[in-house]
Amino acid sequence: MKTLQEIEKLTAGDLQRIGADESISVPADLQVRLPRQQTTLRGWSIAAAAAILIGLGWWGLDRALQPKDTFDDPYLAYAAVEQALSRVSGGVHNAAAKVSESEAMIDKVNYWK
């Protein structure tokens, strides 16, 4: 009997020659000892259900990311955009003020180095 290292060193031609050799006896109960694994209906059902759930999730995400038209009056829409942009502008101004405060503190520290 060959060791694992010897079997790993065999080439494809060697394995084909060994497989074609009819002098090697095959045990009669080989099918009993090594049952074939069969794909069951349950496995396919689980895979199909997972695919459907992923598809529905993707479809729902796509619908959720589409913008919705919520204004009939263009003047109200413009006012809402103006309000949103003023909020963003206020946040940018606050951040800029904090950065300038930090720069002043850094300048003081660098002066004493």
N, C-alpha and C. Protein backbone atom coordinates (compact mmCIF):
# COMPACT_ATOMS: atom_id res chain seq x y z
N MET A 1 0.85 -1.18 0.00
CA MET A 1 0.00 0.00 0.00
C MET A 1 0.89 1.24 0.00
N LYS A 2 0.50 2.23 -0.80
CA LYS A 2 1.29 3.45 -0.94
C LYS A 2 1.00 4.42 0.19
N THR A 3 1.99 5.21 0.52
CA THR A 3 1.79 6.24 1.53
C THR A 3 1.17 7.47 0.88
N LEU A 4 0.71 8.38 1.69
CA LEU A 4 0.08 9.59 1.18
C LEU A 4 1.06 10.42 0.35
N GLN A 5 2.30 10.49 0.78
CA GLN A 5 3.31 11.24 0.04
C GLN A 5 3.55 10.63 -1.34
N GLU A 6 3.54 9.31 -1.43
CA GLU A 6 3.73 8.65 -2.72
C GLU A 6 2.54 8.90 -3.64
N ILE A 7 1.35 8.89 -3.09
CA ILE A 7 0.14 9.14 -3.89
C ILE A 7 0.12 10.57 -4.40
N GLU A 8 0.55 11.51 -3.57
CA GLU A 8 0.56 12.92 -3.98
C GLU A 8 1.56 13.17 -5.11
N LYS A 9 2.61 12.36 -5.21
CA LYS A 9 3.62 12.53 -6.26
C LYS A 9 3.21 11.92 -7.59
N LEU A 10 2.11 11.16 -7.64
CA LEU A 10 1.68 10.52 -8.88
C LEU A 10 1.20 11.57 -9.88
N THR A 11 1.50 11.36 -11.14
CA THR A 11 1.04 12.26 -12.20
C THR A 11 -0.33 11.82 -12.68
N ALA A 12 -0.93 12.63 -13.54
CA ALA A 12 -2.25 12.29 -14.09
C ALA A 12 -2.16 11.03 -14.93
N GLY A 13 -1.07 10.83 -15.66
CA GLY A 13 -0.89 9.62 -16.45
C GLY A 13 -0.80 8.38 -15.58
N ASP A 14 -0.09 8.51 -14.45
CA ASP A 14 0.01 7.38 -13.52
C ASP A 14 -1.36 7.01 -12.97
N LEU A 15 -2.13 8.01 -12.58
CA LEU A 15 -3.47 7.75 -12.04
C LEU A 15 -4.38 7.12 -13.09
N GLN A 16 -4.24 7.55 -14.34
CA GLN A 16 -5.07 6.99 -15.41
C GLN A 16 -4.68 5.53 -15.66
N ARG A 17 -3.38 5.25 -15.63
CA ARG A 17 -2.92 3.88 -15.83
C ARG A 17 -3.41 2.97 -14.71
N ILE A 18 -3.37 3.46 -13.47
CA ILE A 18 -3.83 2.67 -12.32
C ILE A 18 -5.34 2.43 -12.44
N GLY A 19 -6.09 3.44 -12.88
CA GLY A 19 -7.53 3.29 -13.02
C GLY A 19 -7.92 2.31 -14.11
N ALA A 20 -7.09 2.20 -15.16
CA ALA A 20 -7.40 1.28 -16.25
C ALA A 20 -6.95 -0.15 -15.96
N ASP A 21 -6.16 -0.33 -14.92
CA ASP A 21 -5.65 -1.67 -14.58
C ASP A 21 -6.79 -2.52 -14.01
N GLU A 22 -7.16 -3.59 -14.75
CA GLU A 22 -8.27 -4.45 -14.33
C GLU A 22 -7.84 -5.54 -13.37
N SER A 23 -6.55 -5.66 -13.12
CA SER A 23 -6.10 -6.69 -12.18
C SER A 23 -6.38 -6.29 -10.74
N ILE A 24 -6.67 -5.01 -10.51
CA ILE A 24 -6.99 -4.54 -9.17
C ILE A 24 -8.46 -4.85 -8.91
N SER A 25 -8.72 -5.58 -7.86
CA SER A 25 -10.11 -5.96 -7.57
C SER A 25 -10.84 -4.84 -6.84
N VAL A 26 -12.09 -4.67 -7.21
CA VAL A 26 -12.94 -3.67 -6.58
C VAL A 26 -13.87 -4.40 -5.61
N PRO A 27 -13.94 -3.97 -4.36
CA PRO A 27 -14.81 -4.64 -3.39
C PRO A 27 -16.27 -4.59 -3.85
N ALA A 28 -17.01 -5.66 -3.59
CA ALA A 28 -18.40 -5.74 -4.02
C ALA A 28 -19.29 -4.76 -3.28
N ASP A 29 -18.98 -4.46 -2.03
CA ASP A 29 -19.82 -3.57 -1.24
C ASP A 29 -19.33 -2.11 -1.28
N LEU A 30 -18.64 -1.75 -2.36
CA LEU A 30 -18.11 -0.39 -2.45
C LEU A 30 -19.23 0.65 -2.42
N GLN A 31 -20.34 0.39 -3.10
CA GLN A 31 -21.45 1.33 -3.11
C GLN A 31 -22.08 1.47 -1.73
N VAL A 32 -22.02 0.40 -0.94
CA VAL A 32 -22.60 0.45 0.41
C VAL A 32 -21.71 1.29 1.32
N ARG A 33 -20.41 1.15 1.16
CA ARG A 33 -19.49 1.88 2.03
C ARG A 33 -19.36 3.35 1.62
N LEU A 34 -19.49 3.63 0.36
CA LEU A 34 -19.35 5.01 -0.12
C LEU A 34 -20.62 5.44 -0.84
N PRO A 35 -21.63 5.85 -0.12
CA PRO A 35 -22.87 6.25 -0.79
C PRO A 35 -22.68 7.56 -1.55
N ARG A 36 -23.36 7.68 -2.67
CA ARG A 36 -23.30 8.90 -3.45
C ARG A 36 -24.12 9.98 -2.77
N GLN A 37 -23.58 11.15 -2.76
CA GLN A 37 -24.34 12.27 -2.19
C GLN A 37 -25.26 12.80 -3.27
N GLN A 38 -26.51 12.89 -2.95
CA GLN A 38 -27.50 13.36 -3.91
C GLN A 38 -28.05 14.70 -3.46
N THR A 39 -28.24 15.57 -4.42
CA THR A 39 -28.84 16.86 -4.12
C THR A 39 -30.33 16.63 -3.89
N THR A 40 -30.78 17.06 -2.76
CA THR A 40 -32.17 16.81 -2.40
C THR A 40 -33.06 17.97 -2.80
N LEU A 41 -34.33 17.71 -2.81
CA LEU A 41 -35.31 18.74 -3.12
C LEU A 41 -35.26 19.84 -2.06
N ARG A 42 -34.98 19.46 -0.84
CA ARG A 42 -34.92 20.45 0.25
C ARG A 42 -33.78 21.45 -0.01
N GLY A 43 -32.64 20.95 -0.46
CA GLY A 43 -31.50 21.84 -0.74
C GLY A 43 -31.83 22.83 -1.84
N TRP A 44 -32.47 22.33 -2.92
CA TRP A 44 -32.85 23.23 -4.00
C TRP A 44 -33.91 24.22 -3.53
N SER A 45 -34.80 23.79 -2.66
CA SER A 45 -35.83 24.70 -2.15
C SER A 45 -35.22 25.83 -1.34
N ILE A 46 -34.24 25.49 -0.52
CA ILE A 46 -33.56 26.51 0.29
C ILE A 46 -32.83 27.50 -0.62
N ALA A 47 -32.16 26.98 -1.64
CA ALA A 47 -31.43 27.86 -2.55
C ALA A 47 -32.39 28.78 -3.31
N ALA A 48 -33.53 28.23 -3.75
CA ALA A 48 -34.51 29.05 -4.47
C ALA A 48 -35.10 30.12 -3.55
N ALA A 49 -35.40 29.76 -2.31
CA ALA A 49 -35.95 30.73 -1.36
C ALA A 49 -34.95 31.84 -1.08
N ALA A 50 -33.69 31.48 -0.94
CA ALA A 50 -32.66 32.49 -0.70
C ALA A 50 -32.54 33.43 -1.90
N ALA A 51 -32.59 32.87 -3.10
CA ALA A 51 -32.51 33.71 -4.30
C ALA A 51 -33.70 34.67 -4.39
N ILE A 52 -34.87 34.19 -4.05
CA ILE A 52 -36.07 35.04 -4.08
C ILE A 52 -35.97 36.15 -3.05
N LEU A 53 -35.51 35.82 -1.85
CA LEU A 53 -35.37 36.84 -0.80
C LEU A 53 -34.34 37.90 -1.18
N ILE A 54 -33.23 37.46 -1.76
CA ILE A 54 -32.21 38.43 -2.19
C ILE A 54 -32.77 39.32 -3.29
N GLY A 55 -33.51 38.73 -4.22
CA GLY A 55 -34.11 39.52 -5.29
C GLY A 55 -35.11 40.54 -4.78
N LEU A 56 -35.95 40.11 -3.85
CA LEU A 56 -36.94 41.04 -3.28
C LEU A 56 -36.26 42.15 -2.49
N GLY A 57 -35.21 41.80 -1.76
CA GLY A 57 -34.47 42.83 -1.02
C GLY A 57 -33.83 43.84 -1.95
N TRP A 58 -33.26 43.36 -3.04
CA TRP A 58 -32.64 44.25 -4.01
C TRP A 58 -33.68 45.16 -4.64
N TRP A 59 -34.84 44.61 -4.98
CA TRP A 59 -35.91 45.38 -5.59
C TRP A 59 -36.42 46.44 -4.62
N GLY A 60 -36.59 46.07 -3.35
CA GLY A 60 -37.06 47.02 -2.35
C GLY A 60 -36.05 48.13 -2.11
N LEU A 61 -34.77 47.78 -2.09
CA LEU A 61 -33.72 48.78 -1.90
C LEU A 61 -33.70 49.75 -3.07
N ASP A 62 -33.86 49.22 -4.26
CA ASP A 62 -33.87 50.07 -5.45
C ASP A 62 -35.04 51.04 -5.40
N ARG A 63 -36.19 50.57 -4.98
CA ARG A 63 -37.37 51.45 -4.89
C ARG A 63 -37.19 52.48 -3.78
N ALA A 64 -36.54 52.11 -2.68
CA ALA A 64 -36.37 53.04 -1.57
C ALA A 64 -35.39 54.17 -1.93
N LEU A 65 -34.44 53.89 -2.82
CA LEU A 65 -33.44 54.90 -3.17
C LEU A 65 -33.92 55.86 -4.25
N GLN A 66 -35.06 55.60 -4.87
CA GLN A 66 -35.56 56.51 -5.90
C GLN A 66 -36.20 57.73 -5.23
N PRO A 67 -35.84 58.92 -5.71
CA PRO A 67 -36.42 60.13 -5.09
C PRO A 67 -37.91 60.21 -5.35
N LYS A 68 -38.60 60.82 -4.39
CA LYS A 68 -40.05 60.96 -4.50
C LYS A 68 -40.38 62.44 -4.72
N ASP A 69 -41.31 62.70 -5.59
CA ASP A 69 -41.76 64.05 -5.84
C ASP A 69 -42.83 64.38 -4.81
N THR A 70 -42.51 65.31 -3.89
CA THR A 70 -43.44 65.58 -2.79
C THR A 70 -44.11 66.95 -2.88
N PHE A 71 -43.74 67.76 -3.87
CA PHE A 71 -44.30 69.10 -3.97
C PHE A 71 -45.05 69.26 -5.29
N ASP A 72 -46.25 69.81 -5.20
CA ASP A 72 -47.01 70.15 -6.40
C ASP A 72 -46.75 71.60 -6.81
N ASP A 73 -46.46 72.42 -5.82
CA ASP A 73 -46.23 73.85 -6.06
C ASP A 73 -44.72 74.10 -6.18
N PRO A 74 -44.23 74.65 -7.28
CA PRO A 74 -42.79 74.86 -7.44
C PRO A 74 -42.23 75.88 -6.43
N TYR A 75 -43.05 76.80 -5.97
CA TYR A 75 -42.57 77.78 -4.99
C TYR A 75 -42.30 77.12 -3.64
N LEU A 76 -43.16 76.16 -3.26
CA LEU A 76 -42.92 75.42 -2.01
C LEU A 76 -41.67 74.55 -2.14
N ALA A 77 -41.48 73.97 -3.30
CA ALA A 77 -40.28 73.16 -3.53
C ALA A 77 -39.03 74.01 -3.42
N TYR A 78 -39.07 75.21 -4.02
CA TYR A 78 -37.93 76.11 -3.95
C TYR A 78 -37.64 76.52 -2.51
N ALA A 79 -38.70 76.79 -1.75
CA ALA A 79 -38.52 77.17 -0.34
C ALA A 79 -37.89 76.03 0.45
N ALA A 80 -38.29 74.80 0.17
CA ALA A 80 -37.72 73.66 0.88
C ALA A 80 -36.25 73.47 0.53
N VAL A 81 -35.90 73.66 -0.73
CA VAL A 81 -34.50 73.55 -1.14
C VAL A 81 -33.68 74.66 -0.49
N GLU A 82 -34.23 75.85 -0.47
CA GLU A 82 -33.52 76.97 0.15
C GLU A 82 -33.28 76.72 1.64
N GLN A 83 -34.27 76.16 2.32
CA GLN A 83 -34.13 75.84 3.74
C GLN A 83 -33.05 74.77 3.95
N ALA A 84 -33.05 73.75 3.12
CA ALA A 84 -32.05 72.68 3.26
C ALA A 84 -30.65 73.21 3.01
N LEU A 85 -30.51 74.06 1.99
CA LEU A 85 -29.19 74.61 1.70
C LEU A 85 -28.72 75.57 2.80
N SER A 86 -29.65 76.30 3.42
CA SER A 86 -29.24 77.19 4.52
C SER A 86 -28.77 76.38 5.73
N ARG A 87 -29.39 75.21 5.96
CA ARG A 87 -28.91 74.34 7.05
C ARG A 87 -27.51 73.84 6.76
N VAL A 88 -27.27 73.43 5.53
CA VAL A 88 -25.93 72.96 5.16
C VAL A 88 -24.93 74.09 5.29
N SER A 89 -25.31 75.27 4.84
CA SER A 89 -24.42 76.43 4.93
C SER A 89 -24.09 76.75 6.37
N GLY A 90 -25.09 76.69 7.25
CA GLY A 90 -24.84 76.95 8.67
C GLY A 90 -23.87 75.93 9.26
N GLY A 91 -24.02 74.67 8.87
CA GLY A 91 -23.09 73.65 9.36
C GLY A 91 -21.68 73.88 8.87
N VAL A 92 -21.54 74.32 7.62
CA VAL A 92 -20.21 74.60 7.07
C VAL A 92 -19.59 75.78 7.80
N HIS A 93 -20.37 76.81 8.08
CA HIS A 93 -19.84 77.97 8.79
C HIS A 93 -19.41 77.60 10.21
N ASN A 94 -20.20 76.77 10.89
CA ASN A 94 -19.80 76.33 12.24
C ASN A 94 -18.51 75.53 12.19
N ALA A 95 -18.37 74.65 11.21
CA ALA A 95 -17.15 73.86 11.08
C ALA A 95 -15.96 74.76 10.78
N ALA A 96 -16.15 75.76 9.93
CA ALA A 96 -15.06 76.68 9.60
C ALA A 96 -14.64 77.47 10.83
N ALA A 97 -15.60 77.87 11.67
CA ALA A 97 -15.26 78.61 12.89
C ALA A 97 -14.44 77.73 13.84
N LYS A 98 -14.81 76.47 13.96
CA LYS A 98 -14.07 75.57 14.84
C LYS A 98 -12.66 75.32 14.31
N VAL A 99 -12.53 75.24 12.99
CA VAL A 99 -11.21 75.05 12.40
C VAL A 99 -10.34 76.26 12.66
N SER A 100 -10.88 77.47 12.53
CA SER A 100 -10.08 78.67 12.77
C SER A 100 -9.69 78.77 14.24
N GLU A 101 -10.57 78.36 15.16
CA GLU A 101 -10.21 78.33 16.59
C GLU A 101 -9.06 77.36 16.82
N SER A 102 -9.15 76.20 16.19
CA SER A 102 -8.10 75.19 16.35
C SER A 102 -6.79 75.68 15.77
N GLU A 103 -6.85 76.38 14.63
CA GLU A 103 -5.63 76.92 14.04
C GLU A 103 -4.97 77.93 14.96
N ALA A 104 -5.78 78.74 15.63
CA ALA A 104 -5.23 79.73 16.56
C ALA A 104 -4.52 79.03 17.71
N MET A 105 -5.11 77.96 18.22
CA MET A 105 -4.48 77.22 19.31
C MET A 105 -3.19 76.54 18.84
N ILE A 106 -3.21 76.03 17.64
CA ILE A 106 -2.01 75.37 17.09
C ILE A 106 -0.90 76.40 16.90
N ASP A 107 -1.26 77.59 16.45
CA ASP A 107 -0.26 78.64 16.27
C ASP A 107 0.38 79.01 17.61
N LYS A 108 -0.43 79.07 18.69
CA LYS A 108 0.12 79.37 20.00
C LYS A 108 1.11 78.30 20.45
N VAL A 109 0.75 77.05 20.21
CA VAL A 109 1.62 75.95 20.61
C VAL A 109 2.91 75.99 19.80
N ASN A 110 2.79 76.23 18.50
CA ASN A 110 3.98 76.28 17.65
C ASN A 110 4.88 77.46 18.01
N TYR A 111 4.30 78.55 18.51
CA TYR A 111 5.10 79.70 18.89
C TYR A 111 6.04 79.36 20.04
N TRP A 112 5.61 78.54 20.98
CA TRP A 112 6.40 78.21 22.16
C TRP A 112 7.35 77.05 21.94
N LYS A 113 7.35 76.45 20.79
CA LYS A 113 8.29 75.34 20.54
C LYS A 113 9.68 75.83 20.30
